[in-house]
Amino acid sequence: MAADNRSRRLAVLIDADNTSSKIADGLFEYVARLGEASVRRIYGDFSSSRTKGWADTLTRHAIVPHQQFAYSPGKNFTDIALVIDAMDLLWSGRLRRILPCCL
């Protein structure tokens, strides 16, 4: 990683309800080329069988899980929590900008 990239502090916020754990290795390799992932969070209902694949990946990539129970079917609790945290990080000044990424 180039010296100028180390100063770029990045946040990686993952929606586990809509993303497979199989993308994690490639995602963090890509992020490392851009800068340092100083914030690593994942949001989802980890009591669901859909998110079980993330268990080993969380430790390997030092991702902090944020449990979002699906109290009401069809509601986007995970999406809302992720967006609120993204805006909070941006407002705090810890990060300069948010770069959306879709994989």
PDB file of N, CA and C in Angstrom:
ATOM      1  N   MET A   1       0.854  -1.183   0.000  1.00  0.00           N
ATOM      2  CA  MET A   1       0.000   0.000   0.000  1.00  0.00           C
ATOM      3  C   MET A   1       0.891   1.234   0.000  1.00  0.00           C
ATOM      4  N   ALA A   2       0.577   2.155  -0.837  1.00  0.00           N
ATOM      5  CA  ALA A   2       1.346   3.400  -0.929  1.00  0.00           C
ATOM      6  C   ALA A   2       1.128   4.247   0.316  1.00  0.00           C
ATOM      7  N   ALA A   3       2.127   5.070   0.639  1.00  0.00           N
ATOM      8  CA  ALA A   3       2.058   5.896   1.848  1.00  0.00           C
ATOM      9  C   ALA A   3       0.866   6.828   1.835  1.00  0.00           C
ATOM     10  N   ASP A   4       0.497   7.367   0.681  1.00  0.00           N
ATOM     11  CA  ASP A   4      -0.638   8.285   0.637  1.00  0.00           C
ATOM     12  C   ASP A   4      -1.962   7.577   0.887  1.00  0.00           C
ATOM     13  N   ASN A   5      -2.054   6.289   0.586  1.00  0.00           N
ATOM     14  CA  ASN A   5      -3.275   5.540   0.844  1.00  0.00           C
ATOM     15  C   ASN A   5      -3.476   5.248   2.320  1.00  0.00           C
ATOM     16  N   ARG A   6      -2.383   5.141   3.086  1.00  0.00           N
ATOM     17  CA  ARG A   6      -2.515   4.853   4.511  1.00  0.00           C
ATOM     18  C   ARG A   6      -3.235   5.962   5.249  1.00  0.00           C
ATOM     19  N   SER A   7      -3.162   7.178   4.751  1.00  0.00           N
ATOM     20  CA  SER A   7      -3.823   8.281   5.424  1.00  0.00           C
ATOM     21  C   SER A   7      -5.322   8.322   5.132  1.00  0.00           C
ATOM     22  N   ARG A   8      -5.763   7.575   4.142  1.00  0.00           N
ATOM     23  CA  ARG A   8      -7.193   7.525   3.827  1.00  0.00           C
ATOM     24  C   ARG A   8      -7.892   6.570   4.780  1.00  0.00           C
ATOM     25  N   ARG A   9      -8.681   7.128   5.650  1.00  0.00           N
ATOM     26  CA  ARG A   9      -9.451   6.302   6.571  1.00  0.00           C
ATOM     27  C   ARG A   9     -10.809   6.024   5.954  1.00  0.00           C
ATOM     28  N   LEU A  10     -11.146   4.758   5.860  1.00  0.00           N
ATOM     29  CA  LEU A  10     -12.367   4.344   5.204  1.00  0.00           C
ATOM     30  C   LEU A  10     -13.271   3.588   6.162  1.00  0.00           C
ATOM     31  N   ALA A  11     -14.555   3.649   5.902  1.00  0.00           N
ATOM     32  CA  ALA A  11     -15.536   2.865   6.657  1.00  0.00           C
ATOM     33  C   ALA A  11     -16.115   1.820   5.716  1.00  0.00           C
ATOM     34  N   VAL A  12     -16.152   0.594   6.193  1.00  0.00           N
ATOM     35  CA  VAL A  12     -16.784  -0.485   5.441  1.00  0.00           C
ATOM     36  C   VAL A  12     -18.014  -0.894   6.240  1.00  0.00           C
ATOM     37  N   LEU A  13     -19.175  -0.595   5.692  1.00  0.00           N
ATOM     38  CA  LEU A  13     -20.452  -0.921   6.327  1.00  0.00           C
ATOM     39  C   LEU A  13     -21.166  -1.922   5.424  1.00  0.00           C
ATOM     40  N   ILE A  14     -21.427  -3.116   5.935  1.00  0.00           N
ATOM     41  CA  ILE A  14     -21.960  -4.216   5.127  1.00  0.00           C
ATOM     42  C   ILE A  14     -23.374  -4.563   5.566  1.00  0.00           C
ATOM     43  N   ASP A  15     -24.246  -4.741   4.602  1.00  0.00           N
ATOM     44  CA  ASP A  15     -25.612  -5.210   4.835  1.00  0.00           C
ATOM     45  C   ASP A  15     -25.605  -6.730   4.687  1.00  0.00           C
ATOM     46  N   ALA A  16     -25.526  -7.457   5.800  1.00  0.00           N
ATOM     47  CA  ALA A  16     -25.428  -8.917   5.777  1.00  0.00           C
ATOM     48  C   ALA A  16     -26.702  -9.579   5.269  1.00  0.00           C
ATOM     49  N   ASP A  17     -27.825  -8.895   5.391  1.00  0.00           N
ATOM     50  CA  ASP A  17     -29.085  -9.473   4.922  1.00  0.00           C
ATOM     51  C   ASP A  17     -29.118  -9.588   3.402  1.00  0.00           C
ATOM     52  N   ASN A  18     -28.315  -8.785   2.719  1.00  0.00           N
ATOM     53  CA  ASN A  18     -28.343  -8.764   1.258  1.00  0.00           C
ATOM     54  C   ASN A  18     -26.993  -9.063   0.614  1.00  0.00           C
ATOM     55  N   THR A  19     -26.001  -9.506   1.405  1.00  0.00           N
ATOM     56  CA  THR A  19     -24.661  -9.743   0.878  1.00  0.00           C
ATOM     57  C   THR A  19     -24.125 -11.070   1.397  1.00  0.00           C
ATOM     58  N   SER A  20     -23.505 -11.819   0.524  1.00  0.00           N
ATOM     59  CA  SER A  20     -22.902 -13.098   0.893  1.00  0.00           C
ATOM     60  C   SER A  20     -21.539 -12.874   1.536  1.00  0.00           C
ATOM     61  N   SER A  21     -21.197 -13.726   2.478  1.00  0.00           N
ATOM     62  CA  SER A  21     -19.887 -13.642   3.125  1.00  0.00           C
ATOM     63  C   SER A  21     -18.757 -13.978   2.155  1.00  0.00           C
ATOM     64  N   LYS A  22     -19.073 -14.556   1.023  1.00  0.00           N
ATOM     65  CA  LYS A  22     -18.060 -14.927   0.030  1.00  0.00           C
ATOM     66  C   LYS A  22     -17.367 -13.713  -0.580  1.00  0.00           C
ATOM     67  N   ILE A  23     -17.942 -12.542  -0.448  1.00  0.00           N
ATOM     68  CA  ILE A  23     -17.347 -11.334  -1.037  1.00  0.00           C
ATOM     69  C   ILE A  23     -16.308 -10.690  -0.130  1.00  0.00           C
ATOM     70  N   ALA A  24     -16.233 -11.104   1.122  1.00  0.00           N
ATOM     71  CA  ALA A  24     -15.425 -10.400   2.124  1.00  0.00           C
ATOM     72  C   ALA A  24     -13.937 -10.334   1.769  1.00  0.00           C
ATOM     73  N   ASP A  25     -13.348 -11.438   1.381  1.00  0.00           N
ATOM     74  CA  ASP A  25     -11.911 -11.426   1.088  1.00  0.00           C
ATOM     75  C   ASP A  25     -11.590 -10.436  -0.034  1.00  0.00           C
ATOM     76  N   GLY A  26     -12.324 -10.512  -1.120  1.00  0.00           N
ATOM     77  CA  GLY A  26     -12.105  -9.595  -2.243  1.00  0.00           C
ATOM     78  C   GLY A  26     -12.397  -8.157  -1.883  1.00  0.00           C
ATOM     79  N   LEU A  27     -13.433  -7.950  -1.087  1.00  0.00           N
ATOM     80  CA  LEU A  27     -13.803  -6.596  -0.665  1.00  0.00           C
ATOM     81  C   LEU A  27     -12.672  -5.948   0.126  1.00  0.00           C
ATOM     82  N   PHE A  28     -12.127  -6.660   1.105  1.00  0.00           N
ATOM     83  CA  PHE A  28     -11.089  -6.069   1.939  1.00  0.00           C
ATOM     84  C   PHE A  28      -9.750  -5.954   1.212  1.00  0.00           C
ATOM     85  N   GLU A  29      -9.506  -6.793   0.232  1.00  0.00           N
ATOM     86  CA  GLU A  29      -8.319  -6.613  -0.614  1.00  0.00           C
ATOM     87  C   GLU A  29      -8.463  -5.315  -1.413  1.00  0.00           C
ATOM     88  N   TYR A  30      -9.650  -5.081  -1.946  1.00  0.00           N
ATOM     89  CA  TYR A  30      -9.914  -3.857  -2.712  1.00  0.00           C
ATOM     90  C   TYR A  30      -9.801  -2.616  -1.826  1.00  0.00           C
ATOM     91  N   VAL A  31     -10.407  -2.675  -0.646  1.00  0.00           N
ATOM     92  CA  VAL A  31     -10.380  -1.545   0.287  1.00  0.00           C
ATOM     93  C   VAL A  31      -8.948  -1.231   0.699  1.00  0.00           C
ATOM     94  N   ALA A  32      -8.114  -2.248   0.879  1.00  0.00           N
ATOM     95  CA  ALA A  32      -6.712  -2.035   1.271  1.00  0.00           C
ATOM     96  C   ALA A  32      -5.944  -1.247   0.205  1.00  0.00           C
ATOM     97  N   ARG A  33      -6.352  -1.389  -1.052  1.00  0.00           N
ATOM     98  CA  ARG A  33      -5.703  -0.613  -2.116  1.00  0.00           C
ATOM     99  C   ARG A  33      -6.101   0.859  -2.065  1.00  0.00           C
ATOM    100  N   LEU A  34      -7.258   1.142  -1.485  1.00  0.00           N
ATOM    101  CA  LEU A  34      -7.763   2.516  -1.410  1.00  0.00           C
ATOM    102  C   LEU A  34      -7.303   3.247  -0.155  1.00  0.00           C
ATOM    103  N   GLY A  35      -7.085   2.514   0.919  1.00  0.00           N
ATOM    104  CA  GLY A  35      -6.718   3.125   2.191  1.00  0.00           C
ATOM    105  C   GLY A  35      -6.886   2.130   3.323  1.00  0.00           C
ATOM    106  N   GLU A  36      -7.094   2.653   4.517  1.00  0.00           N
ATOM    107  CA  GLU A  36      -7.223   1.816   5.713  1.00  0.00           C
ATOM    108  C   GLU A  36      -8.684   1.738   6.137  1.00  0.00           C
ATOM    109  N   ALA A  37      -9.188   0.533   6.302  1.00  0.00           N
ATOM    110  CA  ALA A  37     -10.557   0.333   6.777  1.00  0.00           C
ATOM    111  C   ALA A  37     -10.569   0.499   8.294  1.00  0.00           C
ATOM    112  N   SER A  38     -10.677   1.740   8.751  1.00  0.00           N
ATOM    113  CA  SER A  38     -10.612   2.011  10.188  1.00  0.00           C
ATOM    114  C   SER A  38     -11.936   1.711  10.885  1.00  0.00           C
ATOM    115  N   VAL A  39     -13.016   1.617  10.122  1.00  0.00           N
ATOM    116  CA  VAL A  39     -14.319   1.230  10.656  1.00  0.00           C
ATOM    117  C   VAL A  39     -14.789   0.036   9.839  1.00  0.00           C
ATOM    118  N   ARG A  40     -15.101  -1.064  10.524  1.00  0.00           N
ATOM    119  CA  ARG A  40     -15.564  -2.290   9.862  1.00  0.00           C
ATOM    120  C   ARG A  40     -16.795  -2.775  10.608  1.00  0.00           C
ATOM    121  N   ARG A  41     -17.954  -2.573  10.002  1.00  0.00           N
ATOM    122  CA  ARG A  41     -19.209  -2.948  10.660  1.00  0.00           C
ATOM    123  C   ARG A  41     -20.077  -3.741   9.701  1.00  0.00           C
ATOM    124  N   ILE A  42     -20.868  -4.623  10.290  1.00  0.00           N
ATOM    125  CA  ILE A  42     -21.819  -5.391   9.501  1.00  0.00           C
ATOM    126  C   ILE A  42     -23.159  -5.369  10.227  1.00  0.00           C
ATOM    127  N   TYR A  43     -24.219  -5.251   9.450  1.00  0.00           N
ATOM    128  CA  TYR A  43     -25.570  -5.112   9.990  1.00  0.00           C
ATOM    129  C   TYR A  43     -26.423  -6.249   9.460  1.00  0.00           C
ATOM    130  N   GLY A  44     -27.214  -6.847  10.333  1.00  0.00           N
ATOM    131  CA  GLY A  44     -28.101  -7.910   9.880  1.00  0.00           C
ATOM    132  C   GLY A  44     -28.745  -8.626  11.040  1.00  0.00           C
ATOM    133  N   ASP A  45     -29.649  -9.528  10.691  1.00  0.00           N
ATOM    134  CA  ASP A  45     -30.307 -10.370  11.681  1.00  0.00           C
ATOM    135  C   ASP A  45     -29.512 -11.665  11.759  1.00  0.00           C
ATOM    136  N   PHE A  46     -28.583 -11.743  12.691  1.00  0.00           N
ATOM    137  CA  PHE A  46     -27.690 -12.881  12.798  1.00  0.00           C
ATOM    138  C   PHE A  46     -28.353 -14.086  13.462  1.00  0.00           C
ATOM    139  N   SER A  47     -29.631 -13.964  13.823  1.00  0.00           N
ATOM    140  CA  SER A  47     -30.392 -15.118  14.294  1.00  0.00           C
ATOM    141  C   SER A  47     -31.008 -15.853  13.103  1.00  0.00           C
ATOM    142  N   SER A  48     -30.906 -15.267  11.930  1.00  0.00           N
ATOM    143  CA  SER A  48     -31.446 -15.852  10.702  1.00  0.00           C
ATOM    144  C   SER A  48     -30.435 -16.805  10.078  1.00  0.00           C
ATOM    145  N   SER A  49     -30.928 -17.850   9.431  1.00  0.00           N
ATOM    146  CA  SER A  49     -30.038 -18.810   8.770  1.00  0.00           C
ATOM    147  C   SER A  49     -29.337 -18.190   7.567  1.00  0.00           C
ATOM    148  N   ARG A  50     -29.882 -17.122   7.000  1.00  0.00           N
ATOM    149  CA  ARG A  50     -29.261 -16.459   5.844  1.00  0.00           C
ATOM    150  C   ARG A  50     -27.909 -15.843   6.171  1.00  0.00           C
ATOM    151  N   THR A  51     -27.698 -15.463   7.407  1.00  0.00           N
ATOM    152  CA  THR A  51     -26.453 -14.761   7.770  1.00  0.00           C
ATOM    153  C   THR A  51     -25.446 -15.649   8.496  1.00  0.00           C
ATOM    154  N   LYS A  52     -25.717 -16.935   8.615  1.00  0.00           N
ATOM    155  CA  LYS A  52     -24.815 -17.843   9.342  1.00  0.00           C
ATOM    156  C   LYS A  52     -23.425 -17.903   8.718  1.00  0.00           C
ATOM    157  N   GLY A  53     -23.307 -17.716   7.419  1.00  0.00           N
ATOM    158  CA  GLY A  53     -22.019 -17.776   6.743  1.00  0.00           C
ATOM    159  C   GLY A  53     -21.049 -16.693   7.175  1.00  0.00           C
ATOM    160  N   TRP A  54     -21.540 -15.655   7.813  1.00  0.00           N
ATOM    161  CA  TRP A  54     -20.679 -14.543   8.224  1.00  0.00           C
ATOM    162  C   TRP A  54     -19.904 -14.817   9.511  1.00  0.00           C
ATOM    163  N   ALA A  55     -20.239 -15.848  10.269  1.00  0.00           N
ATOM    164  CA  ALA A  55     -19.642 -16.073  11.598  1.00  0.00           C
ATOM    165  C   ALA A  55     -18.113 -16.105  11.575  1.00  0.00           C
ATOM    166  N   ASP A  56     -17.509 -16.941  10.764  1.00  0.00           N
ATOM    167  CA  ASP A  56     -16.037 -17.029  10.705  1.00  0.00           C
ATOM    168  C   ASP A  56     -15.416 -15.787  10.078  1.00  0.00           C
ATOM    169  N   THR A  57     -16.121 -15.206   9.132  1.00  0.00           N
ATOM    170  CA  THR A  57     -15.610 -14.047   8.402  1.00  0.00           C
ATOM    171  C   THR A  57     -15.475 -12.829   9.304  1.00  0.00           C
ATOM    172  N   LEU A  58     -16.361 -12.686  10.283  1.00  0.00           N
ATOM    173  CA  LEU A  58     -16.315 -11.539  11.196  1.00  0.00           C
ATOM    174  C   LEU A  58     -14.984 -11.482  11.930  1.00  0.00           C
ATOM    175  N   THR A  59     -14.546 -12.592  12.448  1.00  0.00           N
ATOM    176  CA  THR A  59     -13.285 -12.643  13.191  1.00  0.00           C
ATOM    177  C   THR A  59     -12.096 -12.436  12.269  1.00  0.00           C
ATOM    178  N   ARG A  60     -12.114 -13.098  11.116  1.00  0.00           N
ATOM    179  CA  ARG A  60     -10.979 -13.030  10.189  1.00  0.00           C
ATOM    180  C   ARG A  60     -10.708 -11.609   9.703  1.00  0.00           C
ATOM    181  N   HIS A  61     -11.767 -10.815   9.548  1.00  0.00           N
ATOM    182  CA  HIS A  61     -11.609  -9.454   9.027  1.00  0.00           C
ATOM    183  C   HIS A  61     -11.875  -8.367  10.079  1.00  0.00           C
ATOM    184  N   ALA A  62     -11.997  -8.757  11.340  1.00  0.00           N
ATOM    185  CA  ALA A  62     -12.217  -7.808  12.446  1.00  0.00           C
ATOM    186  C   ALA A  62     -13.425  -6.911  12.188  1.00  0.00           C
ATOM    187  N   ILE A  63     -14.534  -7.526  11.803  1.00  0.00           N
ATOM    188  CA  ILE A  63     -15.772  -6.798  11.518  1.00  0.00           C
ATOM    189  C   ILE A  63     -16.650  -6.830  12.769  1.00  0.00           C
ATOM    190  N   VAL A  64     -17.161  -5.676  13.162  1.00  0.00           N
ATOM    191  CA  VAL A  64     -18.022  -5.571  14.341  1.00  0.00           C
ATOM    192  C   VAL A  64     -19.477  -5.773  13.914  1.00  0.00           C
ATOM    193  N   PRO A  65     -20.146  -6.819  14.445  1.00  0.00           N
ATOM    194  CA  PRO A  65     -21.539  -7.065  14.057  1.00  0.00           C
ATOM    195  C   PRO A  65     -22.517  -6.169  14.812  1.00  0.00           C
ATOM    196  N   HIS A  66     -23.548  -5.741  14.102  1.00  0.00           N
ATOM    197  CA  HIS A  66     -24.639  -4.967  14.685  1.00  0.00           C
ATOM    198  C   HIS A  66     -25.929  -5.725  14.415  1.00  0.00           C
ATOM    199  N   GLN A  67     -26.473  -6.327  15.464  1.00  0.00           N
ATOM    200  CA  GLN A  67     -27.674  -7.153  15.350  1.00  0.00           C
ATOM    201  C   GLN A  67     -28.897  -6.277  15.102  1.00  0.00           C
ATOM    202  N   GLN A  68     -29.659  -6.626  14.067  1.00  0.00           N
ATOM    203  CA  GLN A  68     -30.904  -5.937  13.747  1.00  0.00           C
ATOM    204  C   GLN A  68     -31.987  -7.001  13.600  1.00  0.00           C
ATOM    205  N   PHE A  69     -32.768  -7.222  14.655  1.00  0.00           N
ATOM    206  CA  PHE A  69     -33.827  -8.226  14.594  1.00  0.00           C
ATOM    207  C   PHE A  69     -34.906  -7.793  13.615  1.00  0.00           C
ATOM    208  N   ALA A  70     -35.441  -8.762  12.887  1.00  0.00           N
ATOM    209  CA  ALA A  70     -36.523  -8.493  11.932  1.00  0.00           C
ATOM    210  C   ALA A  70     -37.853  -8.615  12.675  1.00  0.00           C
ATOM    211  N   TYR A  71     -38.204  -7.576  13.424  1.00  0.00           N
ATOM    212  CA  TYR A  71     -39.431  -7.603  14.212  1.00  0.00           C
ATOM    213  C   TYR A  71     -40.675  -7.583  13.336  1.00  0.00           C
ATOM    214  N   SER A  72     -40.618  -6.904  12.216  1.00  0.00           N
ATOM    215  CA  SER A  72     -41.748  -6.808  11.296  1.00  0.00           C
ATOM    216  C   SER A  72     -41.293  -7.242   9.912  1.00  0.00           C
ATOM    217  N   PRO A  73     -41.939  -8.238   9.340  1.00  0.00           N
ATOM    218  CA  PRO A  73     -41.537  -8.694   8.000  1.00  0.00           C
ATOM    219  C   PRO A  73     -41.669  -7.569   6.968  1.00  0.00           C
ATOM    220  N   GLY A  74     -40.702  -7.530   6.059  1.00  0.00           N
ATOM    221  CA  GLY A  74     -40.753  -6.550   4.981  1.00  0.00           C
ATOM    222  C   GLY A  74     -40.198  -5.178   5.336  1.00  0.00           C
ATOM    223  N   LYS A  75     -39.804  -4.978   6.573  1.00  0.00           N
ATOM    224  CA  LYS A  75     -39.237  -3.689   6.990  1.00  0.00           C
ATOM    225  C   LYS A  75     -37.728  -3.720   6.817  1.00  0.00           C
ATOM    226  N   ASN A  76     -37.139  -2.570   6.601  1.00  0.00           N
ATOM    227  CA  ASN A  76     -35.708  -2.466   6.334  1.00  0.00           C
ATOM    228  C   ASN A  76     -34.932  -1.953   7.542  1.00  0.00           C
ATOM    229  N   PHE A  77     -35.036  -2.648   8.655  1.00  0.00           N
ATOM    230  CA  PHE A  77     -34.341  -2.224   9.869  1.00  0.00           C
ATOM    231  C   PHE A  77     -32.829  -2.181   9.655  1.00  0.00           C
ATOM    232  N   THR A  78     -32.301  -3.167   8.944  1.00  0.00           N
ATOM    233  CA  THR A  78     -30.864  -3.218   8.683  1.00  0.00           C
ATOM    234  C   THR A  78     -30.420  -2.018   7.867  1.00  0.00           C
ATOM    235  N   ASP A  79     -31.143  -1.733   6.797  1.00  0.00           N
ATOM    236  CA  ASP A  79     -30.795  -0.604   5.928  1.00  0.00           C
ATOM    237  C   ASP A  79     -30.815   0.712   6.699  1.00  0.00           C
ATOM    238  N   ILE A  80     -31.816   0.882   7.525  1.00  0.00           N
ATOM    239  CA  ILE A  80     -31.960   2.130   8.280  1.00  0.00           C
ATOM    240  C   ILE A  80     -30.795   2.294   9.261  1.00  0.00           C
ATOM    241  N   ALA A  81     -30.452   1.236   9.980  1.00  0.00           N
ATOM    242  CA  ALA A  81     -29.343   1.302  10.938  1.00  0.00           C
ATOM    243  C   ALA A  81     -28.026   1.613  10.234  1.00  0.00           C
ATOM    244  N   LEU A  82     -27.795   0.995   9.081  1.00  0.00           N
ATOM    245  CA  LEU A  82     -26.571   1.223   8.323  1.00  0.00           C
ATOM    246  C   LEU A  82     -26.479   2.676   7.865  1.00  0.00           C
ATOM    247  N   VAL A  83     -27.556   3.204   7.345  1.00  0.00           N
ATOM    248  CA  VAL A  83     -27.552   4.590   6.858  1.00  0.00           C
ATOM    249  C   VAL A  83     -27.365   5.578   8.006  1.00  0.00           C
ATOM    250  N   ILE A  84     -28.008   5.336   9.134  1.00  0.00           N
ATOM    251  CA  ILE A  84     -27.839   6.229  10.286  1.00  0.00           C
ATOM    252  C   ILE A  84     -26.385   6.240  10.734  1.00  0.00           C
ATOM    253  N   ASP A  85     -25.750   5.063  10.804  1.00  0.00           N
ATOM    254  CA  ASP A  85     -24.343   5.011  11.190  1.00  0.00           C
ATOM    255  C   ASP A  85     -23.450   5.690  10.152  1.00  0.00           C
ATOM    256  N   ALA A  86     -23.742   5.509   8.877  1.00  0.00           N
ATOM    257  CA  ALA A  86     -22.952   6.158   7.823  1.00  0.00           C
ATOM    258  C   ALA A  86     -23.027   7.674   7.971  1.00  0.00           C
ATOM    259  N   MET A  87     -24.212   8.203   8.196  1.00  0.00           N
ATOM    260  CA  MET A  87     -24.366   9.649   8.358  1.00  0.00           C
ATOM    261  C   MET A  87     -23.681  10.133   9.633  1.00  0.00           C
ATOM    262  N   ASP A  88     -23.760   9.347  10.693  1.00  0.00           N
ATOM    263  CA  ASP A  88     -23.097   9.700  11.947  1.00  0.00           C
ATOM    264  C   ASP A  88     -21.578   9.748  11.761  1.00  0.00           C
ATOM    265  N   LEU A  89     -21.018   8.768  11.058  1.00  0.00           N
ATOM    266  CA  LEU A  89     -19.579   8.762  10.786  1.00  0.00           C
ATOM    267  C   LEU A  89     -19.173   9.966   9.945  1.00  0.00           C
ATOM    268  N   LEU A  90     -19.969  10.285   8.959  1.00  0.00           N
ATOM    269  CA  LEU A  90     -19.669  11.429   8.104  1.00  0.00           C
ATOM    270  C   LEU A  90     -19.743  12.727   8.898  1.00  0.00           C
ATOM    271  N   TRP A  91     -20.768  12.867   9.703  1.00  0.00           N
ATOM    272  CA  TRP A  91     -20.970  14.079  10.506  1.00  0.00           C
ATOM    273  C   TRP A  91     -19.883  14.243  11.565  1.00  0.00           C
ATOM    274  N   SER A  92     -19.369  13.119  12.094  1.00  0.00           N
ATOM    275  CA  SER A  92     -18.361  13.172  13.162  1.00  0.00           C
ATOM    276  C   SER A  92     -17.027  13.741  12.683  1.00  0.00           C
ATOM    277  N   GLY A  93     -16.800  13.735  11.376  1.00  0.00           N
ATOM    278  CA  GLY A  93     -15.545  14.231  10.841  1.00  0.00           C
ATOM    279  C   GLY A  93     -14.443  13.191  10.803  1.00  0.00           C
ATOM    280  N   ARG A  94     -14.718  11.974  11.252  1.00  0.00           N
ATOM    281  CA  ARG A  94     -13.710  10.909  11.224  1.00  0.00           C
ATOM    282  C   ARG A  94     -13.366  10.506   9.794  1.00  0.00           C
ATOM    283  N   LEU A  95     -14.344  10.683   8.899  1.00  0.00           N
ATOM    284  CA  LEU A  95     -14.157  10.329   7.493  1.00  0.00           C
ATOM    285  C   LEU A  95     -14.557  11.525   6.654  1.00  0.00           C
ATOM    286  N   ARG A  96     -13.910  11.701   5.519  1.00  0.00           N
ATOM    287  CA  ARG A  96     -14.186  12.865   4.695  1.00  0.00           C
ATOM    288  C   ARG A  96     -15.360  12.688   3.758  1.00  0.00           C
ATOM    289  N   ARG A  97     -15.564  11.468   3.281  1.00  0.00           N
ATOM    290  CA  ARG A  97     -16.672  11.234   2.355  1.00  0.00           C
ATOM    291  C   ARG A  97     -17.067   9.776   2.387  1.00  0.00           C
ATOM    292  N   ILE A  98     -18.240   9.520   1.853  1.00  0.00           N
ATOM    293  CA  ILE A  98     -18.759   8.170   1.749  1.00  0.00           C
ATOM    294  C   ILE A  98     -18.762   7.800   0.282  1.00  0.00           C
ATOM    295  N   LEU A  99     -18.133   6.688  -0.030  1.00  0.00           N
ATOM    296  CA  LEU A  99     -18.125   6.197  -1.401  1.00  0.00           C
ATOM    297  C   LEU A  99     -19.011   4.972  -1.476  1.00  0.00           C
ATOM    298  N   PRO A 100     -20.159   5.081  -2.127  1.00  0.00           N
ATOM    299  CA  PRO A 100     -21.046   3.898  -2.214  1.00  0.00           C
ATOM    300  C   PRO A 100     -20.411   2.832  -3.091  1.00  0.00           C
ATOM    301  N   CYS A 101     -20.612   1.608  -2.712  1.00  0.00           N
ATOM    302  CA  CYS A 101     -20.054   0.504  -3.464  1.00  0.00           C
ATOM    303  C   CYS A 101     -21.074  -0.613  -3.541  1.00  0.00           C
ATOM    304  N   CYS A 102     -21.288  -1.095  -4.696  1.00  0.00           N
ATOM    305  CA  CYS A 102     -22.200  -2.227  -4.884  1.00  0.00           C
ATOM    306  C   CYS A 102     -21.422  -3.375  -5.487  1.00  0.00           C
ATOM    307  N   LEU A 103     -21.518  -4.548  -4.858  1.00  0.00           N
ATOM    308  CA  LEU A 103     -20.804  -5.721  -5.362  1.00  0.00           C
ATOM    309  C   LEU A 103     -21.787  -6.742  -5.844  1.00  0.00           C
TER     310      LEU A 103
END
